[in-house]
Amino acid sequence: AFTHFGEIFTIEMLVVILTFLFVDFFDTAGTLVAVATQAG
C-alpha cells in the first residue's frame, strides 16, 4: 500500500476511495448503533 501510494491520484481511484469510504462509513455507523442499542 505504501509502495503504490503514488498511483491513487486518478479520477478512477478517487471513485474507488470514495466508495471504500462511503460503505465503511455507514456499515460502521449502522453496526455501532445496532450493537449499542442491544446492549443498552
PDB file of all heavy atoms in Angstrom:
ATOM      1  N   ALA A   1       0.828  -1.208   0.000  1.00  0.00           N
ATOM      2  CA  ALA A   1       0.000   0.000   0.000  1.00  0.00           C
ATOM      3  C   ALA A   1       0.863   1.259   0.000  1.00  0.00           C
ATOM      4  O   ALA A   1       0.490   2.283  -0.594  1.00  0.00           O
ATOM      5  CB  ALA A   1      -0.927   0.001   1.216  1.00  0.00           C
ATOM      6  N   PHE A   2       2.028   1.199   0.648  1.00  0.00           N
ATOM      7  CA  PHE A   2       2.934   2.347   0.683  1.00  0.00           C
ATOM      8  C   PHE A   2       3.657   2.527  -0.653  1.00  0.00           C
ATOM      9  O   PHE A   2       3.747   3.628  -1.191  1.00  0.00           O
ATOM     10  CB  PHE A   2       3.956   2.192   1.809  1.00  0.00           C
ATOM     11  CG  PHE A   2       3.376   2.364   3.183  1.00  0.00           C
ATOM     12  CD1 PHE A   2       3.503   1.357   4.131  1.00  0.00           C
ATOM     13  CD2 PHE A   2       2.696   3.519   3.544  1.00  0.00           C
ATOM     14  CE1 PHE A   2       2.971   1.499   5.404  1.00  0.00           C
ATOM     15  CE2 PHE A   2       2.157   3.675   4.808  1.00  0.00           C
ATOM     16  CZ  PHE A   2       2.296   2.661   5.745  1.00  0.00           C
ATOM     17  N   THR A   3       4.187   1.421  -1.182  1.00  0.00           N
ATOM     18  CA  THR A   3       4.996   1.497  -2.393  1.00  0.00           C
ATOM     19  C   THR A   3       4.167   1.889  -3.621  1.00  0.00           C
ATOM     20  O   THR A   3       4.713   2.388  -4.610  1.00  0.00           O
ATOM     21  CB  THR A   3       5.703   0.156  -2.666  1.00  0.00           C
ATOM     22  OG1 THR A   3       4.721  -0.880  -2.758  1.00  0.00           O
ATOM     23  CG2 THR A   3       6.669  -0.178  -1.529  1.00  0.00           C
ATOM     24  N   HIS A   4       2.854   1.682  -3.566  1.00  0.00           N
ATOM     25  CA  HIS A   4       1.996   2.022  -4.705  1.00  0.00           C
ATOM     26  C   HIS A   4       1.077   3.200  -4.394  1.00  0.00           C
ATOM     27  O   HIS A   4       0.118   3.454  -5.133  1.00  0.00           O
ATOM     28  CB  HIS A   4       1.154   0.801  -5.106  1.00  0.00           C
ATOM     29  CG  HIS A   4       1.948  -0.298  -5.725  1.00  0.00           C
ATOM     30  ND1 HIS A   4       2.753  -1.136  -4.988  1.00  0.00           N
ATOM     31  CD2 HIS A   4       2.078  -0.691  -7.017  1.00  0.00           C
ATOM     32  CE1 HIS A   4       3.338  -2.004  -5.783  1.00  0.00           C
ATOM     33  NE2 HIS A   4       2.951  -1.757  -7.012  1.00  0.00           N
ATOM     34  N   PHE A   5       1.381   3.926  -3.336  1.00  0.00           N
ATOM     35  CA  PHE A   5       0.512   5.034  -2.915  1.00  0.00           C
ATOM     36  C   PHE A   5       0.447   6.131  -3.973  1.00  0.00           C
ATOM     37  O   PHE A   5      -0.571   6.807  -4.127  1.00  0.00           O
ATOM     38  CB  PHE A   5       1.003   5.619  -1.585  1.00  0.00           C
ATOM     39  CG  PHE A   5      -0.048   6.413  -0.863  1.00  0.00           C
ATOM     40  CD1 PHE A   5      -1.047   5.779  -0.135  1.00  0.00           C
ATOM     41  CD2 PHE A   5      -0.064   7.804  -0.909  1.00  0.00           C
ATOM     42  CE1 PHE A   5      -2.029   6.503   0.529  1.00  0.00           C
ATOM     43  CE2 PHE A   5      -1.040   8.536  -0.249  1.00  0.00           C
ATOM     44  CZ  PHE A   5      -2.026   7.884   0.473  1.00  0.00           C
ATOM     45  N   GLY A   6       1.525   6.304  -4.717  1.00  0.00           N
ATOM     46  CA  GLY A   6       1.546   7.340  -5.740  1.00  0.00           C
ATOM     47  C   GLY A   6       0.620   7.077  -6.911  1.00  0.00           C
ATOM     48  O   GLY A   6       0.410   7.967  -7.755  1.00  0.00           O
ATOM     49  N   GLU A   7       0.042   5.878  -6.973  1.00  0.00           N
ATOM     50  CA  GLU A   7      -0.818   5.514  -8.102  1.00  0.00           C
ATOM     51  C   GLU A   7      -2.292   5.814  -7.856  1.00  0.00           C
ATOM     52  O   GLU A   7      -3.133   5.532  -8.725  1.00  0.00           O
ATOM     53  CB  GLU A   7      -0.646   4.020  -8.406  1.00  0.00           C
ATOM     54  CG  GLU A   7       0.782   3.632  -8.788  1.00  0.00           C
ATOM     55  CD  GLU A   7       0.984   2.129  -8.862  1.00  0.00           C
ATOM     56  OE1 GLU A   7      -0.027   1.394  -8.794  1.00  0.00           O
ATOM     57  OE2 GLU A   7       2.138   1.693  -8.964  1.00  0.00           O
ATOM     58  N   ILE A   8      -2.615   6.391  -6.706  1.00  0.00           N
ATOM     59  CA  ILE A   8      -4.022   6.601  -6.371  1.00  0.00           C
ATOM     60  C   ILE A   8      -4.573   7.936  -6.869  1.00  0.00           C
ATOM     61  O   ILE A   8      -5.771   8.186  -6.773  1.00  0.00           O
ATOM     62  CB  ILE A   8      -4.258   6.505  -4.846  1.00  0.00           C
ATOM     63  CG1 ILE A   8      -3.600   7.690  -4.125  1.00  0.00           C
ATOM     64  CG2 ILE A   8      -3.761   5.182  -4.303  1.00  0.00           C
ATOM     65  CD1 ILE A   8      -3.952   7.777  -2.660  1.00  0.00           C
ATOM     66  N   PHE A   9      -3.711   8.793  -7.414  1.00  0.00           N
ATOM     67  CA  PHE A   9      -4.154  10.146  -7.760  1.00  0.00           C
ATOM     68  C   PHE A   9      -4.717  10.212  -9.184  1.00  0.00           C
ATOM     69  O   PHE A   9      -4.194  10.904 -10.054  1.00  0.00           O
ATOM     70  CB  PHE A   9      -2.997  11.134  -7.568  1.00  0.00           C
ATOM     71  CG  PHE A   9      -2.478  11.155  -6.159  1.00  0.00           C
ATOM     72  CD1 PHE A   9      -1.304  10.482  -5.832  1.00  0.00           C
ATOM     73  CD2 PHE A   9      -3.180  11.804  -5.158  1.00  0.00           C
ATOM     74  CE1 PHE A   9      -0.831  10.489  -4.528  1.00  0.00           C
ATOM     75  CE2 PHE A   9      -2.716  11.817  -3.855  1.00  0.00           C
ATOM     76  CZ  PHE A   9      -1.545  11.144  -3.527  1.00  0.00           C
ATOM     77  N   THR A  10      -5.805   9.473  -9.387  1.00  0.00           N
ATOM     78  CA  THR A  10      -6.538   9.483 -10.649  1.00  0.00           C
ATOM     79  C   THR A  10      -8.024   9.567 -10.332  1.00  0.00           C
ATOM     80  O   THR A  10      -8.449   9.287  -9.200  1.00  0.00           O
ATOM     81  CB  THR A  10      -6.270   8.199 -11.466  1.00  0.00           C
ATOM     82  OG1 THR A  10      -6.793   7.069 -10.739  1.00  0.00           O
ATOM     83  CG2 THR A  10      -4.775   8.001 -11.703  1.00  0.00           C
ATOM     84  N   ILE A  11      -8.834   9.966 -11.326  1.00  0.00           N
ATOM     85  CA  ILE A  11     -10.285  10.052 -11.099  1.00  0.00           C
ATOM     86  C   ILE A  11     -10.852   8.676 -10.775  1.00  0.00           C
ATOM     87  O   ILE A  11     -11.726   8.532  -9.914  1.00  0.00           O
ATOM     88  CB  ILE A  11     -10.982  10.639 -12.340  1.00  0.00           C
ATOM     89  CG1 ILE A  11     -10.562  12.098 -12.538  1.00  0.00           C
ATOM     90  CG2 ILE A  11     -12.503  10.558 -12.188  1.00  0.00           C
ATOM     91  CD1 ILE A  11     -11.195  12.768 -13.744  1.00  0.00           C
ATOM     92  N   GLU A  12     -10.335   7.656 -11.469  1.00  0.00           N
ATOM     93  CA  GLU A  12     -10.808   6.295 -11.231  1.00  0.00           C
ATOM     94  C   GLU A  12     -10.564   5.875  -9.788  1.00  0.00           C
ATOM     95  O   GLU A  12     -11.463   5.343  -9.124  1.00  0.00           O
ATOM     96  CB  GLU A  12     -10.091   5.331 -12.179  1.00  0.00           C
ATOM     97  CG  GLU A  12     -10.658   3.921 -12.152  1.00  0.00           C
ATOM     98  CD  GLU A  12     -10.033   3.047 -13.214  1.00  0.00           C
ATOM     99  OE1 GLU A  12      -8.796   3.084 -13.360  1.00  0.00           O
ATOM    100  OE2 GLU A  12     -10.771   2.326 -13.902  1.00  0.00           O
ATOM    101  N   MET A  13      -9.369   6.144  -9.274  1.00  0.00           N
ATOM    102  CA  MET A  13      -9.053   5.781  -7.889  1.00  0.00           C
ATOM    103  C   MET A  13      -9.789   6.680  -6.898  1.00  0.00           C
ATOM    104  O   MET A  13     -10.081   6.262  -5.776  1.00  0.00           O
ATOM    105  CB  MET A  13      -7.546   5.843  -7.657  1.00  0.00           C
ATOM    106  CG  MET A  13      -6.784   4.635  -8.188  1.00  0.00           C
ATOM    107  SD  MET A  13      -7.396   3.051  -7.527  1.00  0.00           S
ATOM    108  CE  MET A  13      -7.075   3.276  -5.757  1.00  0.00           C
ATOM    109  N   LEU A  14     -10.099   7.921  -7.316  1.00  0.00           N
ATOM    110  CA  LEU A  14     -10.892   8.792  -6.449  1.00  0.00           C
ATOM    111  C   LEU A  14     -12.265   8.176  -6.203  1.00  0.00           C
ATOM    112  O   LEU A  14     -12.759   8.153  -5.072  1.00  0.00           O
ATOM    113  CB  LEU A  14     -11.055  10.170  -7.093  1.00  0.00           C
ATOM    114  CG  LEU A  14     -12.001  11.152  -6.362  1.00  0.00           C
ATOM    115  CD1 LEU A  14     -11.502  11.428  -4.944  1.00  0.00           C
ATOM    116  CD2 LEU A  14     -12.137  12.454  -7.143  1.00  0.00           C
ATOM    117  N   VAL A  15     -12.874   7.639  -7.266  1.00  0.00           N
ATOM    118  CA  VAL A  15     -14.171   6.966  -7.133  1.00  0.00           C
ATOM    119  C   VAL A  15     -14.039   5.734  -6.239  1.00  0.00           C
ATOM    120  O   VAL A  15     -14.889   5.465  -5.387  1.00  0.00           O
ATOM    121  CB  VAL A  15     -14.713   6.565  -8.518  1.00  0.00           C
ATOM    122  CG1 VAL A  15     -15.951   5.675  -8.374  1.00  0.00           C
ATOM    123  CG2 VAL A  15     -15.037   7.802  -9.330  1.00  0.00           C
ATOM    124  N   VAL A  16     -12.942   4.997  -6.414  1.00  0.00           N
ATOM    125  CA  VAL A  16     -12.697   3.802  -5.600  1.00  0.00           C
ATOM    126  C   VAL A  16     -12.574   4.178  -4.127  1.00  0.00           C
ATOM    127  O   VAL A  16     -13.201   3.563  -3.253  1.00  0.00           O
ATOM    128  CB  VAL A  16     -11.412   3.084  -6.076  1.00  0.00           C
ATOM    129  CG1 VAL A  16     -10.989   2.022  -5.061  1.00  0.00           C
ATOM    130  CG2 VAL A  16     -11.637   2.452  -7.442  1.00  0.00           C
ATOM    131  N   ILE A  17     -11.775   5.200  -3.839  1.00  0.00           N
ATOM    132  CA  ILE A  17     -11.564   5.621  -2.450  1.00  0.00           C
ATOM    133  C   ILE A  17     -12.856   6.138  -1.836  1.00  0.00           C
ATOM    134  O   ILE A  17     -13.185   5.835  -0.677  1.00  0.00           O
ATOM    135  CB  ILE A  17     -10.458   6.698  -2.381  1.00  0.00           C
ATOM    136  CG1 ILE A  17      -9.100   6.085  -2.762  1.00  0.00           C
ATOM    137  CG2 ILE A  17     -10.377   7.305  -0.980  1.00  0.00           C
ATOM    138  CD1 ILE A  17      -8.002   7.099  -2.966  1.00  0.00           C
ATOM    139  N   LEU A  18     -13.624   6.916  -2.604  1.00  0.00           N
ATOM    140  CA  LEU A  18     -14.909   7.420  -2.115  1.00  0.00           C
ATOM    141  C   LEU A  18     -15.848   6.265  -1.778  1.00  0.00           C
ATOM    142  O   LEU A  18     -16.584   6.319  -0.792  1.00  0.00           O
ATOM    143  CB  LEU A  18     -15.551   8.340  -3.150  1.00  0.00           C
ATOM    144  CG  LEU A  18     -15.001   9.757  -3.257  1.00  0.00           C
ATOM    145  CD1 LEU A  18     -15.642  10.494  -4.425  1.00  0.00           C
ATOM    146  CD2 LEU A  18     -15.230  10.529  -1.961  1.00  0.00           C
ATOM    147  N   THR A  19     -15.819   5.227  -2.601  1.00  0.00           N
ATOM    148  CA  THR A  19     -16.683   4.070  -2.348  1.00  0.00           C
ATOM    149  C   THR A  19     -16.242   3.328  -1.093  1.00  0.00           C
ATOM    150  O   THR A  19     -17.066   2.955  -0.251  1.00  0.00           O
ATOM    151  CB  THR A  19     -16.679   3.118  -3.556  1.00  0.00           C
ATOM    152  OG1 THR A  19     -17.083   3.841  -4.725  1.00  0.00           O
ATOM    153  CG2 THR A  19     -17.634   1.954  -3.339  1.00  0.00           C
ATOM    154  N   PHE A  20     -14.930   3.088  -0.965  1.00  0.00           N
ATOM    155  CA  PHE A  20     -14.409   2.478   0.261  1.00  0.00           C
ATOM    156  C   PHE A  20     -14.873   3.278   1.472  1.00  0.00           C
ATOM    157  O   PHE A  20     -15.361   2.724   2.468  1.00  0.00           O
ATOM    158  CB  PHE A  20     -12.874   2.466   0.243  1.00  0.00           C
ATOM    159  CG  PHE A  20     -12.269   1.338  -0.540  1.00  0.00           C
ATOM    160  CD1 PHE A  20     -11.189   1.563  -1.390  1.00  0.00           C
ATOM    161  CD2 PHE A  20     -12.757   0.050  -0.431  1.00  0.00           C
ATOM    162  CE1 PHE A  20     -10.615   0.522  -2.104  1.00  0.00           C
ATOM    163  CE2 PHE A  20     -12.194  -1.003  -1.148  1.00  0.00           C
ATOM    164  CZ  PHE A  20     -11.117  -0.762  -1.989  1.00  0.00           C
ATOM    165  N   LEU A  21     -14.706   4.592   1.382  1.00  0.00           N
ATOM    166  CA  LEU A  21     -15.018   5.478   2.499  1.00  0.00           C
ATOM    167  C   LEU A  21     -16.512   5.471   2.801  1.00  0.00           C
ATOM    168  O   LEU A  21     -16.924   5.355   3.959  1.00  0.00           O
ATOM    169  CB  LEU A  21     -14.550   6.896   2.158  1.00  0.00           C
ATOM    170  CG  LEU A  21     -14.530   7.927   3.288  1.00  0.00           C
ATOM    171  CD1 LEU A  21     -13.541   7.514   4.363  1.00  0.00           C
ATOM    172  CD2 LEU A  21     -14.152   9.298   2.733  1.00  0.00           C
ATOM    173  N   PHE A  22     -17.312   5.571   1.739  1.00  0.00           N
ATOM    174  CA  PHE A  22     -18.760   5.650   1.902  1.00  0.00           C
ATOM    175  C   PHE A  22     -19.322   4.389   2.551  1.00  0.00           C
ATOM    176  O   PHE A  22     -20.058   4.453   3.536  1.00  0.00           O
ATOM    177  CB  PHE A  22     -19.412   5.874   0.535  1.00  0.00           C
ATOM    178  CG  PHE A  22     -20.907   5.805   0.565  1.00  0.00           C
ATOM    179  CD1 PHE A  22     -21.663   6.888   0.969  1.00  0.00           C
ATOM    180  CD2 PHE A  22     -21.566   4.638   0.202  1.00  0.00           C
ATOM    181  CE1 PHE A  22     -23.047   6.814   1.008  1.00  0.00           C
ATOM    182  CE2 PHE A  22     -22.935   4.559   0.234  1.00  0.00           C
ATOM    183  CZ  PHE A  22     -23.685   5.652   0.637  1.00  0.00           C
ATOM    184  N   VAL A  23     -18.980   3.240   1.987  1.00  0.00           N
ATOM    185  CA  VAL A  23     -19.521   1.981   2.501  1.00  0.00           C
ATOM    186  C   VAL A  23     -19.063   1.741   3.935  1.00  0.00           C
ATOM    187  O   VAL A  23     -19.857   1.341   4.799  1.00  0.00           O
ATOM    188  CB  VAL A  23     -19.116   0.802   1.594  1.00  0.00           C
ATOM    189  CG1 VAL A  23     -19.619  -0.519   2.174  1.00  0.00           C
ATOM    190  CG2 VAL A  23     -19.674   0.992   0.195  1.00  0.00           C
ATOM    191  N   ASP A  24     -17.785   1.981   4.227  1.00  0.00           N
ATOM    192  CA  ASP A  24     -17.276   1.794   5.587  1.00  0.00           C
ATOM    193  C   ASP A  24     -17.954   2.741   6.562  1.00  0.00           C
ATOM    194  O   ASP A  24     -18.263   2.384   7.696  1.00  0.00           O
ATOM    195  CB  ASP A  24     -15.759   2.005   5.603  1.00  0.00           C
ATOM    196  CG  ASP A  24     -15.140   1.603   6.938  1.00  0.00           C
ATOM    197  OD1 ASP A  24     -15.735   0.765   7.639  1.00  0.00           O
ATOM    198  OD2 ASP A  24     -14.071   2.121   7.288  1.00  0.00           O
ATOM    199  N   PHE A  25     -18.187   3.975   6.120  1.00  0.00           N
ATOM    200  CA  PHE A  25     -18.867   4.980   6.946  1.00  0.00           C
ATOM    201  C   PHE A  25     -20.153   4.430   7.534  1.00  0.00           C
ATOM    202  O   PHE A  25     -20.359   4.437   8.748  1.00  0.00           O
ATOM    203  CB  PHE A  25     -19.209   6.180   6.064  1.00  0.00           C
ATOM    204  CG  PHE A  25     -18.467   7.438   6.437  1.00  0.00           C
ATOM    205  CD1 PHE A  25     -17.216   7.393   7.013  1.00  0.00           C
ATOM    206  CD2 PHE A  25     -19.031   8.678   6.176  1.00  0.00           C
ATOM    207  CE1 PHE A  25     -16.538   8.543   7.337  1.00  0.00           C
ATOM    208  CE2 PHE A  25     -18.359   9.830   6.493  1.00  0.00           C
ATOM    209  CZ  PHE A  25     -17.111   9.774   7.080  1.00  0.00           C
ATOM    210  N   PHE A  26     -21.023   3.963   6.639  1.00  0.00           N
ATOM    211  CA  PHE A  26     -22.370   3.625   7.069  1.00  0.00           C
ATOM    212  C   PHE A  26     -22.488   2.189   7.569  1.00  0.00           C
ATOM    213  O   PHE A  26     -23.359   1.873   8.363  1.00  0.00           O
ATOM    214  CB  PHE A  26     -23.340   3.914   5.935  1.00  0.00           C
ATOM    215  CG  PHE A  26     -23.251   5.351   5.493  1.00  0.00           C
ATOM    216  CD1 PHE A  26     -22.755   5.676   4.248  1.00  0.00           C
ATOM    217  CD2 PHE A  26     -23.601   6.374   6.349  1.00  0.00           C
ATOM    218  CE1 PHE A  26     -22.630   6.991   3.850  1.00  0.00           C
ATOM    219  CE2 PHE A  26     -23.477   7.695   5.969  1.00  0.00           C
ATOM    220  CZ  PHE A  26     -22.994   8.012   4.714  1.00  0.00           C
ATOM    221  N   ASP A  27     -21.586   1.347   7.112  1.00  0.00           N
ATOM    222  CA  ASP A  27     -21.526  -0.002   7.659  1.00  0.00           C
ATOM    223  C   ASP A  27     -21.156   0.070   9.130  1.00  0.00           C
ATOM    224  O   ASP A  27     -21.773  -0.566   9.989  1.00  0.00           O
ATOM    225  CB  ASP A  27     -20.496  -0.827   6.878  1.00  0.00           C
ATOM    226  CG  ASP A  27     -20.581  -2.310   7.209  1.00  0.00           C
ATOM    227  OD1 ASP A  27     -21.634  -2.749   7.694  1.00  0.00           O
ATOM    228  OD2 ASP A  27     -19.595  -3.022   6.980  1.00  0.00           O
ATOM    229  N   THR A  28     -20.143   0.890   9.422  1.00  0.00           N
ATOM    230  CA  THR A  28     -19.698   1.059  10.808  1.00  0.00           C
ATOM    231  C   THR A  28     -20.759   1.727  11.669  1.00  0.00           C
ATOM    232  O   THR A  28     -21.062   1.273  12.774  1.00  0.00           O
ATOM    233  CB  THR A  28     -18.409   1.903  10.849  1.00  0.00           C
ATOM    234  OG1 THR A  28     -17.384   1.237  10.119  1.00  0.00           O
ATOM    235  CG2 THR A  28     -17.947   2.116  12.280  1.00  0.00           C
ATOM    236  N   ALA A  29     -21.332   2.810  11.154  1.00  0.00           N
ATOM    237  CA  ALA A  29     -22.341   3.541  11.921  1.00  0.00           C
ATOM    238  C   ALA A  29     -23.530   2.646  12.249  1.00  0.00           C
ATOM    239  O   ALA A  29     -24.020   2.627  13.391  1.00  0.00           O
ATOM    240  CB  ALA A  29     -22.799   4.764  11.138  1.00  0.00           C
ATOM    241  N   GLY A  30     -23.999   1.894  11.258  1.00  0.00           N
ATOM    242  CA  GLY A  30     -25.134   1.004  11.487  1.00  0.00           C
ATOM    243  C   GLY A  30     -24.834  -0.073  12.504  1.00  0.00           C
ATOM    244  O   GLY A  30     -25.663  -0.388  13.366  1.00  0.00           O
ATOM    245  N   THR A  31     -23.625  -0.638  12.413  1.00  0.00           N
ATOM    246  CA  THR A  31     -23.236  -1.691  13.352  1.00  0.00           C
ATOM    247  C   THR A  31     -23.129  -1.153  14.773  1.00  0.00           C
ATOM    248  O   THR A  31     -23.612  -1.778  15.727  1.00  0.00           O
ATOM    249  CB  THR A  31     -21.887  -2.312  12.935  1.00  0.00           C
ATOM    250  OG1 THR A  31     -22.038  -2.917  11.652  1.00  0.00           O
ATOM    251  CG2 THR A  31     -21.447  -3.362  13.942  1.00  0.00           C
ATOM    252  N   LEU A  32     -22.497   0.005  14.927  1.00  0.00           N
ATOM    253  CA  LEU A  32     -22.328   0.590  16.256  1.00  0.00           C
ATOM    254  C   LEU A  32     -23.675   0.864  16.914  1.00  0.00           C
ATOM    255  O   LEU A  32     -23.885   0.560  18.090  1.00  0.00           O
ATOM    256  CB  LEU A  32     -21.517   1.885  16.172  1.00  0.00           C
ATOM    257  CG  LEU A  32     -20.035   1.752  15.822  1.00  0.00           C
ATOM    258  CD1 LEU A  32     -19.388   3.124  15.707  1.00  0.00           C
ATOM    259  CD2 LEU A  32     -19.306   0.922  16.868  1.00  0.00           C
ATOM    260  N   VAL A  33     -24.586   1.427  16.140  1.00  0.00           N
ATOM    261  CA  VAL A  33     -25.915   1.732  16.685  1.00  0.00           C
ATOM    262  C   VAL A  33     -26.657   0.448  17.053  1.00  0.00           C
ATOM    263  O   VAL A  33     -27.264   0.355  18.123  1.00  0.00           O
ATOM    264  CB  VAL A  33     -26.741   2.550  15.667  1.00  0.00           C
ATOM    265  CG1 VAL A  33     -28.195   2.664  16.128  1.00  0.00           C
ATOM    266  CG2 VAL A  33     -26.140   3.936  15.492  1.00  0.00           C
ATOM    267  N   ALA A  34     -26.588  -0.568  16.190  1.00  0.00           N
ATOM    268  CA  ALA A  34     -27.293  -1.825  16.440  1.00  0.00           C
ATOM    269  C   ALA A  34     -26.780  -2.517  17.695  1.00  0.00           C
ATOM    270  O   ALA A  34     -27.563  -2.954  18.556  1.00  0.00           O
ATOM    271  CB  ALA A  34     -27.150  -2.747  15.236  1.00  0.00           C
ATOM    272  N   VAL A  35     -25.453  -2.617  17.813  1.00  0.00           N
ATOM    273  CA  VAL A  35     -24.865  -3.292  18.969  1.00  0.00           C
ATOM    274  C   VAL A  35     -25.110  -2.493  20.247  1.00  0.00           C
ATOM    275  O   VAL A  35     -25.463  -3.050  21.291  1.00  0.00           O
ATOM    276  CB  VAL A  35     -23.347  -3.508  18.766  1.00  0.00           C
ATOM    277  CG1 VAL A  35     -22.728  -4.143  20.006  1.00  0.00           C
ATOM    278  CG2 VAL A  35     -23.098  -4.385  17.547  1.00  0.00           C
ATOM    279  N   ALA A  36     -24.928  -1.171  20.157  1.00  0.00           N
ATOM    280  CA  ALA A  36     -25.108  -0.320  21.334  1.00  0.00           C
ATOM    281  C   ALA A  36     -26.553  -0.334  21.821  1.00  0.00           C
ATOM    282  O   ALA A  36     -26.813  -0.333  23.031  1.00  0.00           O
ATOM    283  CB  ALA A  36     -24.674   1.108  21.010  1.00  0.00           C
ATOM    284  N   THR A  37     -27.487  -0.363  20.902  1.00  0.00           N
ATOM    285  CA  THR A  37     -28.901  -0.408  21.273  1.00  0.00           C
ATOM    286  C   THR A  37     -29.232  -1.714  21.978  1.00  0.00           C
ATOM    287  O   THR A  37     -29.920  -1.733  23.005  1.00  0.00           O
ATOM    288  CB  THR A  37     -29.791  -0.241  20.026  1.00  0.00           C
ATOM    289  OG1 THR A  37     -29.513   1.016  19.404  1.00  0.00           O
ATOM    290  CG2 THR A  37     -31.260  -0.308  20.407  1.00  0.00           C
ATOM    291  N   GLN A  38     -28.723  -2.833  21.428  1.00  0.00           N
ATOM    292  CA  GLN A  38     -28.986  -4.137  22.030  1.00  0.00           C
ATOM    293  C   GLN A  38     -28.384  -4.221  23.433  1.00  0.00           C
ATOM    294  O   GLN A  38     -28.985  -4.805  24.335  1.00  0.00           O
ATOM    295  CB  GLN A  38     -28.406  -5.248  21.161  1.00  0.00           C
ATOM    296  CG  GLN A  38     -28.673  -6.647  21.728  1.00  0.00           C
ATOM    297  CD  GLN A  38     -28.045  -7.741  20.883  1.00  0.00           C
ATOM    298  OE1 GLN A  38     -27.433  -7.459  19.866  1.00  0.00           O
ATOM    299  NE2 GLN A  38     -28.176  -8.983  21.309  1.00  0.00           N
ATOM    300  N   ALA A  39     -27.209  -3.612  23.618  1.00  0.00           N
ATOM    301  CA  ALA A  39     -26.529  -3.697  24.908  1.00  0.00           C
ATOM    302  C   ALA A  39     -27.019  -2.640  25.900  1.00  0.00           C
ATOM    303  O   ALA A  39     -26.648  -2.677  27.080  1.00  0.00           O
ATOM    304  CB  ALA A  39     -25.014  -3.545  24.702  1.00  0.00           C
ATOM    305  N   GLY A  40     -27.820  -1.692  25.423  1.00  0.00           N
ATOM    306  CA  GLY A  40     -28.341  -0.651  26.302  1.00  0.00           C
ATOM    307  C   GLY A  40     -27.359   0.472  26.566  1.00  0.00           C
ATOM    308  O   GLY A  40     -27.437   1.141  27.601  1.00  0.00           O
TER     309      GLY A  40
END
